Amino acid sequence: MRAIVFHRRAASYLSRMPRDRAAQVRDALVEVAGLETIASHPGIKQMSGGMAGWSRLRIGSYRAILQVTVIEAGEVLYVDAIGPRGDIYKG
């Protein structure tokens, strides 16, 4: 299982979410981090355009922008942003 690393903006948004929704997001991220390839998860879609190389995870009405990154310790699941469906893509 990969470690999950949050960007400051993702961690901040997660801390402000209602507890039940935050738990739902954390559970989904743990599920994805445990997969051999994240693309095999039904809620994952590859992004295109300026976000090529990143993936989007659908968690109810929320979205998480993430990618698998390699660091010295191995692979990590890097979560760049978390937010509502309509606002997450507005950079």
PDB file of N, CA and C in Angstrom:
ATOM      1  N   MET A   1       0.839  -1.186   0.000  1.00  0.00           N
ATOM      2  CA  MET A   1       0.000   0.000   0.000  1.00  0.00           C
ATOM      3  C   MET A   1       0.880   1.244   0.000  1.00  0.00           C
ATOM      4  N   ARG A   2       0.492   2.190  -0.813  1.00  0.00           N
ATOM      5  CA  ARG A   2       1.231   3.448  -0.895  1.00  0.00           C
ATOM      6  C   ARG A   2       0.867   4.361   0.274  1.00  0.00           C
ATOM      7  N   ALA A   3       1.800   5.196   0.657  1.00  0.00           N
ATOM      8  CA  ALA A   3       1.504   6.248   1.627  1.00  0.00           C
ATOM      9  C   ALA A   3       0.706   7.334   0.913  1.00  0.00           C
ATOM     10  N   ILE A   4      -0.107   8.064   1.652  1.00  0.00           N
ATOM     11  CA  ILE A   4      -0.897   9.155   1.089  1.00  0.00           C
ATOM     12  C   ILE A   4      -0.307  10.468   1.582  1.00  0.00           C
ATOM     13  N   VAL A   5       0.051  11.346   0.644  1.00  0.00           N
ATOM     14  CA  VAL A   5       0.632  12.644   0.964  1.00  0.00           C
ATOM     15  C   VAL A   5      -0.331  13.713   0.455  1.00  0.00           C
ATOM     16  N   PHE A   6      -0.685  14.663   1.330  1.00  0.00           N
ATOM     17  CA  PHE A   6      -1.622  15.725   0.980  1.00  0.00           C
ATOM     18  C   PHE A   6      -0.895  17.039   0.762  1.00  0.00           C
ATOM     19  N   HIS A   7      -1.243  17.737  -0.309  1.00  0.00           N
ATOM     20  CA  HIS A   7      -0.801  19.117  -0.493  1.00  0.00           C
ATOM     21  C   HIS A   7      -1.492  19.944   0.583  1.00  0.00           C
ATOM     22  N   ARG A   8      -0.934  21.067   0.928  1.00  0.00           N
ATOM     23  CA  ARG A   8      -1.498  21.921   1.976  1.00  0.00           C
ATOM     24  C   ARG A   8      -2.947  22.287   1.711  1.00  0.00           C
ATOM     25  N   ARG A   9      -3.295  22.613   0.455  1.00  0.00           N
ATOM     26  CA  ARG A   9      -4.676  23.005   0.159  1.00  0.00           C
ATOM     27  C   ARG A   9      -5.642  21.832   0.312  1.00  0.00           C
ATOM     28  N   ALA A  10      -5.194  20.621  -0.023  1.00  0.00           N
ATOM     29  CA  ALA A  10      -6.040  19.432   0.135  1.00  0.00           C
ATOM     30  C   ALA A  10      -6.248  19.120   1.613  1.00  0.00           C
ATOM     31  N   ALA A  11      -5.187  19.187   2.402  1.00  0.00           N
ATOM     32  CA  ALA A  11      -5.295  18.920   3.835  1.00  0.00           C
ATOM     33  C   ALA A  11      -6.177  19.957   4.518  1.00  0.00           C
ATOM     34  N   SER A  12      -6.054  21.201   4.110  1.00  0.00           N
ATOM     35  CA  SER A  12      -6.866  22.268   4.684  1.00  0.00           C
ATOM     36  C   SER A  12      -8.347  22.066   4.380  1.00  0.00           C
ATOM     37  N   TYR A  13      -8.660  21.731   3.127  1.00  0.00           N
ATOM     38  CA  TYR A  13     -10.061  21.516   2.758  1.00  0.00           C
ATOM     39  C   TYR A  13     -10.618  20.297   3.485  1.00  0.00           C
ATOM     40  N   LEU A  14      -9.835  19.251   3.590  1.00  0.00           N
ATOM     41  CA  LEU A  14     -10.272  18.035   4.271  1.00  0.00           C
ATOM     42  C   LEU A  14     -10.573  18.310   5.745  1.00  0.00           C
ATOM     43  N   SER A  15      -9.783  19.159   6.379  1.00  0.00           N
ATOM     44  CA  SER A  15     -10.001  19.470   7.799  1.00  0.00           C
ATOM     45  C   SER A  15     -11.260  20.314   8.013  1.00  0.00           C
ATOM     46  N   ARG A  16     -11.706  21.038   6.991  1.00  0.00           N
ATOM     47  CA  ARG A  16     -12.904  21.884   7.106  1.00  0.00           C
ATOM     48  C   ARG A  16     -14.187  21.175   6.690  1.00  0.00           C
ATOM     49  N   MET A  17     -14.062  19.976   6.124  1.00  0.00           N
ATOM     50  CA  MET A  17     -15.239  19.232   5.668  1.00  0.00           C
ATOM     51  C   MET A  17     -16.012  18.669   6.858  1.00  0.00           C
ATOM     52  N   PRO A  18     -17.322  18.406   6.679  1.00  0.00           N
ATOM     53  CA  PRO A  18     -18.063  17.694   7.726  1.00  0.00           C
ATOM     54  C   PRO A  18     -17.412  16.330   7.976  1.00  0.00           C
ATOM     55  N   ARG A  19     -17.425  15.881   9.220  1.00  0.00           N
ATOM     56  CA  ARG A  19     -16.704  14.665   9.603  1.00  0.00           C
ATOM     57  C   ARG A  19     -17.098  13.444   8.786  1.00  0.00           C
ATOM     58  N   ASP A  20     -18.392  13.266   8.538  1.00  0.00           N
ATOM     59  CA  ASP A  20     -18.813  12.078   7.791  1.00  0.00           C
ATOM     60  C   ASP A  20     -18.301  12.103   6.363  1.00  0.00           C
ATOM     61  N   ARG A  21     -18.316  13.265   5.734  1.00  0.00           N
ATOM     62  CA  ARG A  21     -17.792  13.391   4.366  1.00  0.00           C
ATOM     63  C   ARG A  21     -16.284  13.238   4.340  1.00  0.00           C
ATOM     64  N   ALA A  22     -15.594  13.805   5.325  1.00  0.00           N
ATOM     65  CA  ALA A  22     -14.135  13.685   5.389  1.00  0.00           C
ATOM     66  C   ALA A  22     -13.739  12.218   5.552  1.00  0.00           C
ATOM     67  N   ALA A  23     -14.489  11.474   6.364  1.00  0.00           N
ATOM     68  CA  ALA A  23     -14.211  10.050   6.543  1.00  0.00           C
ATOM     69  C   ALA A  23     -14.439   9.301   5.239  1.00  0.00           C
ATOM     70  N   GLN A  24     -15.477   9.680   4.495  1.00  0.00           N
ATOM     71  CA  GLN A  24     -15.764   9.054   3.203  1.00  0.00           C
ATOM     72  C   GLN A  24     -14.609   9.298   2.228  1.00  0.00           C
ATOM     73  N   VAL A  25     -14.087  10.512   2.205  1.00  0.00           N
ATOM     74  CA  VAL A  25     -12.969  10.857   1.323  1.00  0.00           C
ATOM     75  C   VAL A  25     -11.717  10.075   1.736  1.00  0.00           C
ATOM     76  N   ARG A  26     -11.417  10.041   3.029  1.00  0.00           N
ATOM     77  CA  ARG A  26     -10.237   9.306   3.505  1.00  0.00           C
ATOM     78  C   ARG A  26     -10.326   7.825   3.153  1.00  0.00           C
ATOM     79  N   ASP A  27     -11.512   7.232   3.362  1.00  0.00           N
ATOM     80  CA  ASP A  27     -11.692   5.811   3.049  1.00  0.00           C
ATOM     81  C   ASP A  27     -11.464   5.534   1.568  1.00  0.00           C
ATOM     82  N   ALA A  28     -11.974   6.424   0.706  1.00  0.00           N
ATOM     83  CA  ALA A  28     -11.794   6.249  -0.740  1.00  0.00           C
ATOM     84  C   ALA A  28     -10.320   6.367  -1.119  1.00  0.00           C
ATOM     85  N   LEU A  29      -9.608   7.312  -0.511  1.00  0.00           N
ATOM     86  CA  LEU A  29      -8.186   7.483  -0.807  1.00  0.00           C
ATOM     87  C   LEU A  29      -7.370   6.278  -0.338  1.00  0.00           C
ATOM     88  N   VAL A  30      -7.706   5.729   0.815  1.00  0.00           N
ATOM     89  CA  VAL A  30      -7.017   4.530   1.314  1.00  0.00           C
ATOM     90  C   VAL A  30      -7.272   3.362   0.367  1.00  0.00           C
ATOM     91  N   GLU A  31      -8.504   3.245  -0.113  1.00  0.00           N
ATOM     92  CA  GLU A  31      -8.843   2.181  -1.066  1.00  0.00           C
ATOM     93  C   GLU A  31      -8.008   2.295  -2.334  1.00  0.00           C
ATOM     94  N   VAL A  32      -7.906   3.506  -2.877  1.00  0.00           N
ATOM     95  CA  VAL A  32      -7.130   3.735  -4.101  1.00  0.00           C
ATOM     96  C   VAL A  32      -5.640   3.500  -3.848  1.00  0.00           C
ATOM     97  N   ALA A  33      -5.141   3.925  -2.700  1.00  0.00           N
ATOM     98  CA  ALA A  33      -3.716   3.757  -2.388  1.00  0.00           C
ATOM     99  C   ALA A  33      -3.330   2.283  -2.308  1.00  0.00           C
ATOM    100  N   GLY A  34      -4.273   1.415  -1.986  1.00  0.00           N
ATOM    101  CA  GLY A  34      -3.982  -0.002  -1.868  1.00  0.00           C
ATOM    102  C   GLY A  34      -4.028  -0.771  -3.169  1.00  0.00           C
ATOM    103  N   LEU A  35      -4.466  -0.136  -4.250  1.00  0.00           N
ATOM    104  CA  LEU A  35      -4.576  -0.822  -5.538  1.00  0.00           C
ATOM    105  C   LEU A  35      -3.222  -0.925  -6.239  1.00  0.00           C
ATOM    106  N   GLU A  36      -3.069  -1.977  -7.018  1.00  0.00           N
ATOM    107  CA  GLU A  36      -1.854  -2.157  -7.823  1.00  0.00           C
ATOM    108  C   GLU A  36      -1.706  -0.995  -8.815  1.00  0.00           C
ATOM    109  N   THR A  37      -2.758  -0.713  -9.555  1.00  0.00           N
ATOM    110  CA  THR A  37      -2.794   0.440 -10.456  1.00  0.00           C
ATOM    111  C   THR A  37      -4.048   1.237 -10.136  1.00  0.00           C
ATOM    112  N   ILE A  38      -3.906   2.533  -9.941  1.00  0.00           N
ATOM    113  CA  ILE A  38      -5.059   3.334  -9.527  1.00  0.00           C
ATOM    114  C   ILE A  38      -6.112   3.420 -10.626  1.00  0.00           C
ATOM    115  N   ALA A  39      -5.708   3.233 -11.868  1.00  0.00           N
ATOM    116  CA  ALA A  39      -6.655   3.318 -12.992  1.00  0.00           C
ATOM    117  C   ALA A  39      -7.700   2.200 -12.948  1.00  0.00           C
ATOM    118  N   SER A  40      -7.465   1.155 -12.162  1.00  0.00           N
ATOM    119  CA  SER A  40      -8.432   0.065 -12.077  1.00  0.00           C
ATOM    120  C   SER A  40      -9.629   0.404 -11.190  1.00  0.00           C
ATOM    121  N   HIS A  41      -9.561   1.496 -10.457  1.00  0.00           N
ATOM    122  CA  HIS A  41     -10.685   1.919  -9.605  1.00  0.00           C
ATOM    123  C   HIS A  41     -11.764   2.547 -10.489  1.00  0.00           C
ATOM    124  N   PRO A  42     -13.042   2.196 -10.276  1.00  0.00           N
ATOM    125  CA  PRO A  42     -14.104   2.727 -11.138  1.00  0.00           C
ATOM    126  C   PRO A  42     -14.324   4.235 -11.008  1.00  0.00           C
ATOM    127  N   GLY A  43     -13.903   4.852  -9.919  1.00  0.00           N
ATOM    128  CA  GLY A  43     -14.088   6.290  -9.734  1.00  0.00           C
ATOM    129  C   GLY A  43     -12.947   7.134 -10.249  1.00  0.00           C
ATOM    130  N   ILE A  44     -11.920   6.506 -10.809  1.00  0.00           N
ATOM    131  CA  ILE A  44     -10.742   7.225 -11.311  1.00  0.00           C
ATOM    132  C   ILE A  44     -10.880   7.481 -12.801  1.00  0.00           C
ATOM    133  N   LYS A  45     -10.600   8.713 -13.203  1.00  0.00           N
ATOM    134  CA  LYS A  45     -10.523   9.076 -14.618  1.00  0.00           C
ATOM    135  C   LYS A  45      -9.228   9.846 -14.821  1.00  0.00           C
ATOM    136  N   GLN A  46      -8.565   9.570 -15.933  1.00  0.00           N
ATOM    137  CA  GLN A  46      -7.354  10.305 -16.287  1.00  0.00           C
ATOM    138  C   GLN A  46      -7.753  11.683 -16.789  1.00  0.00           C
ATOM    139  N   MET A  47      -7.017  12.706 -16.389  1.00  0.00           N
ATOM    140  CA  MET A  47      -7.318  14.065 -16.813  1.00  0.00           C
ATOM    141  C   MET A  47      -6.523  14.378 -18.082  1.00  0.00           C
ATOM    142  N   SER A  48      -6.977  15.387 -18.800  1.00  0.00           N
ATOM    143  CA  SER A  48      -6.321  15.757 -20.052  1.00  0.00           C
ATOM    144  C   SER A  48      -6.015  17.250 -20.049  1.00  0.00           C
ATOM    145  N   GLY A  49      -5.462  17.715 -21.137  1.00  0.00           N
ATOM    146  CA  GLY A  49      -5.133  19.128 -21.261  1.00  0.00           C
ATOM    147  C   GLY A  49      -3.989  19.516 -20.346  1.00  0.00           C
ATOM    148  N   GLY A  50      -4.157  20.615 -19.636  1.00  0.00           N
ATOM    149  CA  GLY A  50      -3.127  21.113 -18.735  1.00  0.00           C
ATOM    150  C   GLY A  50      -2.914  20.226 -17.520  1.00  0.00           C
ATOM    151  N   MET A  51      -3.846  19.332 -17.265  1.00  0.00           N
ATOM    152  CA  MET A  51      -3.746  18.430 -16.114  1.00  0.00           C
ATOM    153  C   MET A  51      -3.353  17.010 -16.531  1.00  0.00           C
ATOM    154  N   ALA A  52      -2.834  16.838 -17.726  1.00  0.00           N
ATOM    155  CA  ALA A  52      -2.420  15.511 -18.200  1.00  0.00           C
ATOM    156  C   ALA A  52      -1.409  14.919 -17.221  1.00  0.00           C
ATOM    157  N   GLY A  53      -1.551  13.650 -16.942  1.00  0.00           N
ATOM    158  CA  GLY A  53      -0.684  12.988 -15.983  1.00  0.00           C
ATOM    159  C   GLY A  53      -1.302  12.886 -14.596  1.00  0.00           C
ATOM    160  N   TRP A  54      -2.352  13.647 -14.360  1.00  0.00           N
ATOM    161  CA  TRP A  54      -3.073  13.615 -13.093  1.00  0.00           C
ATOM    162  C   TRP A  54      -4.337  12.784 -13.268  1.00  0.00           C
ATOM    163  N   SER A  55      -4.897  12.353 -12.155  1.00  0.00           N
ATOM    164  CA  SER A  55      -6.139  11.590 -12.169  1.00  0.00           C
ATOM    165  C   SER A  55      -7.155  12.284 -11.282  1.00  0.00           C
ATOM    166  N   ARG A  56      -8.418  12.003 -11.554  1.00  0.00           N
ATOM    167  CA  ARG A  56      -9.518  12.549 -10.781  1.00  0.00           C
ATOM    168  C   ARG A  56     -10.249  11.391 -10.119  1.00  0.00           C
ATOM    169  N   LEU A  57     -10.484  11.486  -8.821  1.00  0.00           N
ATOM    170  CA  LEU A  57     -11.234  10.473  -8.093  1.00  0.00           C
ATOM    171  C   LEU A  57     -12.583  11.055  -7.713  1.00  0.00           C
ATOM    172  N   ARG A  58     -13.636  10.380  -8.122  1.00  0.00           N
ATOM    173  CA  ARG A  58     -14.992  10.818  -7.798  1.00  0.00           C
ATOM    174  C   ARG A  58     -15.404  10.177  -6.475  1.00  0.00           C
ATOM    175  N   ILE A  59     -15.802  11.032  -5.516  1.00  0.00           N
ATOM    176  CA  ILE A  59     -16.244  10.569  -4.202  1.00  0.00           C
ATOM    177  C   ILE A  59     -17.561  11.289  -3.913  1.00  0.00           C
ATOM    178  N   GLY A  60     -18.661  10.734  -4.387  1.00  0.00           N
ATOM    179  CA  GLY A  60     -19.950  11.410  -4.243  1.00  0.00           C
ATOM    180  C   GLY A  60     -19.932  12.717  -5.017  1.00  0.00           C
ATOM    181  N   SER A  61     -20.251  13.813  -4.338  1.00  0.00           N
ATOM    182  CA  SER A  61     -20.246  15.120  -4.999  1.00  0.00           C
ATOM    183  C   SER A  61     -18.883  15.813  -4.883  1.00  0.00           C
ATOM    184  N   TYR A  62     -17.912  15.137  -4.303  1.00  0.00           N
ATOM    185  CA  TYR A  62     -16.566  15.685  -4.164  1.00  0.00           C
ATOM    186  C   TYR A  62     -15.625  15.034  -5.170  1.00  0.00           C
ATOM    187  N   ARG A  63     -14.531  15.735  -5.453  1.00  0.00           N
ATOM    188  CA  ARG A  63     -13.498  15.220  -6.330  1.00  0.00           C
ATOM    189  C   ARG A  63     -12.144  15.412  -5.661  1.00  0.00           C
ATOM    190  N   ALA A  64     -11.235  14.492  -5.928  1.00  0.00           N
ATOM    191  CA  ALA A  64      -9.856  14.608  -5.463  1.00  0.00           C
ATOM    192  C   ALA A  64      -8.954  14.515  -6.694  1.00  0.00           C
ATOM    193  N   ILE A  65      -8.046  15.446  -6.815  1.00  0.00           N
ATOM    194  CA  ILE A  65      -7.070  15.455  -7.909  1.00  0.00           C
ATOM    195  C   ILE A  65      -5.789  14.836  -7.340  1.00  0.00           C
ATOM    196  N   LEU A  66      -5.304  13.763  -7.993  1.00  0.00           N
ATOM    197  CA  LEU A  66      -4.185  13.029  -7.423  1.00  0.00           C
ATOM    198  C   LEU A  66      -3.325  12.400  -8.501  1.00  0.00           C
ATOM    199  N   GLN A  67      -2.156  11.918  -8.087  1.00  0.00           N
ATOM    200  CA  GLN A  67      -1.278  11.158  -8.963  1.00  0.00           C
ATOM    201  C   GLN A  67      -0.345  10.311  -8.112  1.00  0.00           C
ATOM    202  N   VAL A  68       0.147   9.242  -8.699  1.00  0.00           N
ATOM    203  CA  VAL A  68       1.142   8.399  -8.037  1.00  0.00           C
ATOM    204  C   VAL A  68       2.501   9.002  -8.361  1.00  0.00           C
ATOM    205  N   THR A  69       3.276   9.274  -7.315  1.00  0.00           N
ATOM    206  CA  THR A  69       4.583   9.900  -7.449  1.00  0.00           C
ATOM    207  C   THR A  69       5.632   9.014  -6.790  1.00  0.00           C
ATOM    208  N   VAL A  70       6.807   8.970  -7.366  1.00  0.00           N
ATOM    209  CA  VAL A  70       7.893   8.178  -6.805  1.00  0.00           C
ATOM    210  C   VAL A  70       8.843   9.111  -6.066  1.00  0.00           C
ATOM    211  N   ILE A  71       9.118   8.757  -4.806  1.00  0.00           N
ATOM    212  CA  ILE A  71      10.117   9.483  -4.013  1.00  0.00           C
ATOM    213  C   ILE A  71      11.139   8.465  -3.522  1.00  0.00           C
ATOM    214  N   GLU A  72      12.102   8.900  -2.724  1.00  0.00           N
ATOM    215  CA  GLU A  72      13.149   7.991  -2.258  1.00  0.00           C
ATOM    216  C   GLU A  72      12.570   6.770  -1.531  1.00  0.00           C
ATOM    217  N   ALA A  73      11.516   6.976  -0.761  1.00  0.00           N
ATOM    218  CA  ALA A  73      10.939   5.889   0.041  1.00  0.00           C
ATOM    219  C   ALA A  73      10.069   4.950  -0.789  1.00  0.00           C
ATOM    220  N   GLY A  74       9.793   5.282  -2.032  1.00  0.00           N
ATOM    221  CA  GLY A  74       8.948   4.464  -2.898  1.00  0.00           C
ATOM    222  C   GLY A  74       7.813   5.292  -3.477  1.00  0.00           C
ATOM    223  N   GLU A  75       6.744   4.609  -3.856  1.00  0.00           N
ATOM    224  CA  GLU A  75       5.595   5.302  -4.442  1.00  0.00           C
ATOM    225  C   GLU A  75       4.699   5.872  -3.354  1.00  0.00           C
ATOM    226  N   VAL A  76       4.172   7.076  -3.610  1.00  0.00           N
ATOM    227  CA  VAL A  76       3.172   7.683  -2.734  1.00  0.00           C
ATOM    228  C   VAL A  76       2.005   8.134  -3.584  1.00  0.00           C
ATOM    229  N   LEU A  77       0.839   8.223  -2.978  1.00  0.00           N
ATOM    230  CA  LEU A  77      -0.343   8.782  -3.621  1.00  0.00           C
ATOM    231  C   LEU A  77      -0.392  10.235  -3.207  1.00  0.00           C
ATOM    232  N   TYR A  78      -0.094  11.135  -4.146  1.00  0.00           N
ATOM    233  CA  TYR A  78      -0.044  12.570  -3.857  1.00  0.00           C
ATOM    234  C   TYR A  78      -1.393  13.188  -4.188  1.00  0.00           C
ATOM    235  N   VAL A  79      -2.061  13.741  -3.177  1.00  0.00           N
ATOM    236  CA  VAL A  79      -3.372  14.370  -3.349  1.00  0.00           C
ATOM    237  C   VAL A  79      -3.152  15.871  -3.418  1.00  0.00           C
ATOM    238  N   ASP A  80      -3.384  16.447  -4.590  1.00  0.00           N
ATOM    239  CA  ASP A  80      -3.141  17.865  -4.811  1.00  0.00           C
ATOM    240  C   ASP A  80      -4.292  18.732  -4.322  1.00  0.00           C
ATOM    241  N   ALA A  81      -5.535  18.305  -4.568  1.00  0.00           N
ATOM    242  CA  ALA A  81      -6.689  19.129  -4.198  1.00  0.00           C
ATOM    243  C   ALA A  81      -7.899  18.248  -3.939  1.00  0.00           C
ATOM    244  N   ILE A  82      -8.766  18.727  -3.061  1.00  0.00           N
ATOM    245  CA  ILE A  82     -10.047  18.094  -2.772  1.00  0.00           C
ATOM    246  C   ILE A  82     -11.076  19.205  -2.771  1.00  0.00           C
ATOM    247  N   GLY A  83     -12.233  18.946  -3.361  1.00  0.00           N
ATOM    248  CA  GLY A  83     -13.268  19.974  -3.357  1.00  0.00           C
ATOM    249  C   GLY A  83     -14.542  19.504  -4.018  1.00  0.00           C
ATOM    250  N   PRO A  84     -15.556  20.373  -4.002  1.00  0.00           N
ATOM    251  CA  PRO A  84     -16.817  20.022  -4.653  1.00  0.00           C
ATOM    252  C   PRO A  84     -16.652  19.940  -6.162  1.00  0.00           C
ATOM    253  N   ARG A  85     -17.487  19.160  -6.774  1.00  0.00           N
ATOM    254  CA  ARG A  85     -17.411  18.872  -8.204  1.00  0.00           C
ATOM    255  C   ARG A  85     -17.279  20.129  -9.047  1.00  0.00           C
ATOM    256  N   GLY A  86     -18.056  21.143  -8.803  1.00  0.00           N
ATOM    257  CA  GLY A  86     -18.064  22.321  -9.657  1.00  0.00           C
ATOM    258  C   GLY A  86     -16.868  23.233  -9.472  1.00  0.00           C
ATOM    259  N   ASP A  87     -16.194  23.182  -8.324  1.00  0.00           N
ATOM    260  CA  ASP A  87     -15.127  24.121  -8.029  1.00  0.00           C
ATOM    261  C   ASP A  87     -13.716  23.559  -8.155  1.00  0.00           C
ATOM    262  N   ILE A  88     -13.585  22.262  -8.169  1.00  0.00           N
ATOM    263  CA  ILE A  88     -12.261  21.641  -8.090  1.00  0.00           C
ATOM    264  C   ILE A  88     -11.409  21.908  -9.332  1.00  0.00           C
ATOM    265  N   TYR A  89     -12.034  22.126 -10.475  1.00  0.00           N
ATOM    266  CA  TYR A  89     -11.275  22.291 -11.722  1.00  0.00           C
ATOM    267  C   TYR A  89     -10.916  23.732 -12.013  1.00  0.00           C
ATOM    268  N   LYS A  90     -11.250  24.653 -11.135  1.00  0.00           N
ATOM    269  CA  LYS A  90     -11.034  26.091 -11.387  1.00  0.00           C
ATOM    270  C   LYS A  90      -9.677  26.580 -10.917  1.00  0.00           C
ATOM    271  N   GLY A  91      -8.716  25.675 -10.778  1.00  0.00           N
ATOM    272  CA  GLY A  91      -7.343  26.026 -10.457  1.00  0.00           C
ATOM    273  C   GLY A  91      -7.188  26.870  -9.301  1.00  0.00           C
TER     274      GLY A  91
END
